[in-house]
């Protein structure tokens, strides 16, 4: 039985590992909106998908050190269910922040990134923590 890593270490790994996805997401959001003139909501959705695709592998293997191949399909479904809910929430909140509070779309995305990062850590920890060793 492997000891569970300390919470602080997991939080730090989660933030470091997630930074790659966030950076890719922001680059997609900005470039698609500013240079290709795609509506910021569509750009945000594309960026969000890029972010979540990168993060599944990084968070599962590095942050939470889960290498159990048997649990991967179930975790994939759980993770992308969470991601789909976050995508809906991020899109709706982005629209509200930009259109009703008149925030710049990039500023709105920074606020939402902080909010959804905290939620994502809490939920991802539950998804990727190996409960089989407790039995």
Protein backbone atom coordinates (compact mmCIF):
# COMPACT_ATOMS: atom_id res chain seq x y z
CA UNK A 1 0.00 0.00 0.00
CA UNK A 2 1.43 3.34 -1.09
CA UNK A 3 1.09 6.32 1.27
CA UNK A 4 -1.04 9.19 0.03
CA UNK A 5 1.09 12.25 -0.88
CA UNK A 6 0.67 15.28 1.39
CA UNK A 7 -2.10 17.66 0.37
CA UNK A 8 0.23 20.63 -0.16
CA UNK A 9 2.37 18.61 -2.56
CA UNK A 10 -0.72 17.57 -4.52
CA UNK A 11 -1.97 21.16 -4.71
CA UNK A 12 1.42 22.35 -5.98
CA UNK A 13 1.61 19.57 -8.58
CA UNK A 14 -1.99 20.26 -9.62
CA UNK A 15 -1.19 23.94 -10.20
CA UNK A 16 2.08 23.27 -12.01
CA UNK A 17 0.60 20.50 -14.15
CA UNK A 18 -2.50 22.53 -14.87
CA UNK A 19 -0.47 25.53 -15.99
CA UNK A 20 0.33 23.86 -19.33
CA UNK A 21 -3.35 23.42 -20.09
CA UNK A 22 -4.25 26.91 -18.90
CA UNK A 23 -1.52 28.51 -21.01
CA UNK A 24 -2.65 26.54 -24.09
CA UNK A 25 -6.26 27.53 -23.35
CA UNK A 26 -5.42 31.24 -23.06
CA UNK A 27 -3.34 31.20 -26.22
CA UNK A 28 -6.22 29.56 -28.09
CA UNK A 29 -8.75 32.00 -26.63
CA UNK A 30 -6.72 35.09 -27.46
CA UNK A 31 -5.44 34.05 -30.89
CA UNK A 32 -8.76 32.68 -32.12
CA UNK A 33 -10.61 35.80 -30.94
CA UNK A 34 -8.11 38.50 -31.89
CA UNK A 35 -6.52 37.11 -35.04
CA UNK A 36 -9.13 34.80 -36.53
CA UNK A 37 -12.04 36.97 -35.33
CA UNK A 38 -13.89 34.01 -33.87
CA UNK A 39 -16.57 34.89 -31.29
CA UNK A 40 -14.98 34.84 -27.83
CA UNK A 41 -17.47 32.21 -26.58
CA UNK A 42 -16.46 29.75 -29.33
CA UNK A 43 -12.78 30.54 -28.69
CA UNK A 44 -13.29 29.91 -24.96
CA UNK A 45 -14.93 26.54 -25.65
CA UNK A 46 -12.06 25.47 -27.92
CA UNK A 47 -9.50 26.62 -25.36
CA UNK A 48 -11.35 24.81 -22.59
CA UNK A 49 -11.33 21.53 -24.55
CA UNK A 50 -7.60 21.86 -25.23
CA UNK A 51 -7.00 22.49 -21.52
CA UNK A 52 -9.00 19.48 -20.32
CA UNK A 53 -7.44 17.15 -22.87
CA UNK A 54 -3.94 17.96 -21.63
CA UNK A 55 -4.90 17.90 -17.99
CA UNK A 56 -6.50 14.46 -17.79
CA UNK A 57 -3.22 12.70 -18.35
CA UNK A 58 -1.06 15.12 -16.35
CA UNK A 59 -3.32 15.20 -13.31
CA UNK A 60 -4.01 11.48 -13.24
CA UNK A 61 -0.42 10.30 -13.67
CA UNK A 62 1.71 13.04 -12.12
CA UNK A 63 -0.40 14.97 -9.60
CA UNK A 64 -2.34 12.07 -8.13
CA UNK A 65 0.15 9.37 -9.21
CA UNK A 66 -2.57 7.00 -10.34
CA UNK A 67 -1.15 4.40 -12.71
CA UNK A 68 -3.91 1.80 -12.29
CA UNK A 69 -4.90 0.96 -15.87
CA UNK A 70 -8.08 -0.86 -14.78
CA UNK A 71 -9.58 2.33 -13.33
CA UNK A 72 -8.65 4.54 -16.30
CA UNK A 73 -11.86 4.09 -18.37
CA UNK A 74 -14.11 4.88 -15.40
CA UNK A 75 -11.93 7.83 -14.42
CA UNK A 76 -11.98 9.11 -18.00
CA UNK A 77 -15.79 9.13 -17.98
CA UNK A 78 -15.92 10.81 -14.57
CA UNK A 79 -13.29 13.39 -15.51
CA UNK A 80 -14.94 14.35 -18.79
CA UNK A 81 -18.36 14.47 -17.13
CA UNK A 82 -16.87 16.97 -14.68
CA UNK A 83 -15.24 18.80 -17.60
CA UNK A 84 -18.53 18.96 -19.51
CA UNK A 85 -20.26 20.49 -16.48
CA UNK A 86 -17.40 22.96 -16.09
CA UNK A 87 -17.58 23.81 -19.79
CA UNK A 88 -21.27 24.66 -19.49
CA UNK A 89 -20.64 26.67 -16.33
CA UNK A 90 -17.60 28.44 -17.75
CA UNK A 91 -19.43 29.36 -20.95
CA UNK A 92 -22.53 30.67 -19.17
CA UNK A 93 -20.52 32.61 -16.60
CA UNK A 94 -18.17 33.99 -19.27
CA UNK A 95 -21.16 35.28 -21.22
CA UNK A 96 -22.62 36.91 -18.09
CA UNK A 97 -19.35 38.49 -16.97
CA UNK A 98 -18.66 39.95 -20.41
CA UNK A 99 -22.17 40.99 -21.47
CA UNK A 100 -23.70 42.05 -18.15
CA UNK A 101 -20.73 43.10 -16.01
CA UNK A 102 -18.81 44.38 -19.07
CA UNK A 103 -15.54 42.68 -18.16
CA UNK A 104 -12.89 42.11 -20.82
CA UNK A 105 -13.17 38.50 -21.99
CA UNK A 106 -9.58 37.69 -20.91
CA UNK A 107 -10.17 39.15 -17.44
CA UNK A 108 -13.39 37.19 -17.12
CA UNK A 109 -11.53 34.01 -18.06
CA UNK A 110 -8.89 34.63 -15.37
CA UNK A 111 -11.61 34.89 -12.71
CA UNK A 112 -13.29 31.74 -13.99
CA UNK A 113 -9.97 29.89 -14.17
CA UNK A 114 -9.38 30.51 -10.47
CA UNK A 115 -12.89 29.40 -9.55
CA UNK A 116 -12.88 26.25 -11.68
CA UNK A 117 -9.31 25.32 -10.69
CA UNK A 118 -10.35 25.07 -7.05
CA UNK A 119 -13.41 22.99 -7.91
CA UNK A 120 -11.39 20.85 -10.30
CA UNK A 121 -8.79 20.01 -7.66
CA UNK A 122 -11.43 18.92 -5.16
CA UNK A 123 -13.29 16.75 -7.66
CA UNK A 124 -10.20 15.40 -9.45
CA UNK A 125 -8.72 14.31 -6.14
CA UNK A 126 -11.83 12.20 -5.54
CA UNK A 127 -11.74 10.76 -9.06
CA UNK A 128 -8.04 9.87 -9.17
CA UNK A 129 -7.37 8.81 -5.59
CA UNK A 130 -7.05 5.05 -5.56
CA UNK A 131 -9.72 3.76 -3.20
CA UNK A 132 -8.93 0.11 -3.98
CA UNK A 133 -5.97 0.09 -1.57
CA UNK A 134 -8.34 0.84 1.31
CA UNK A 135 -10.16 -2.48 0.87
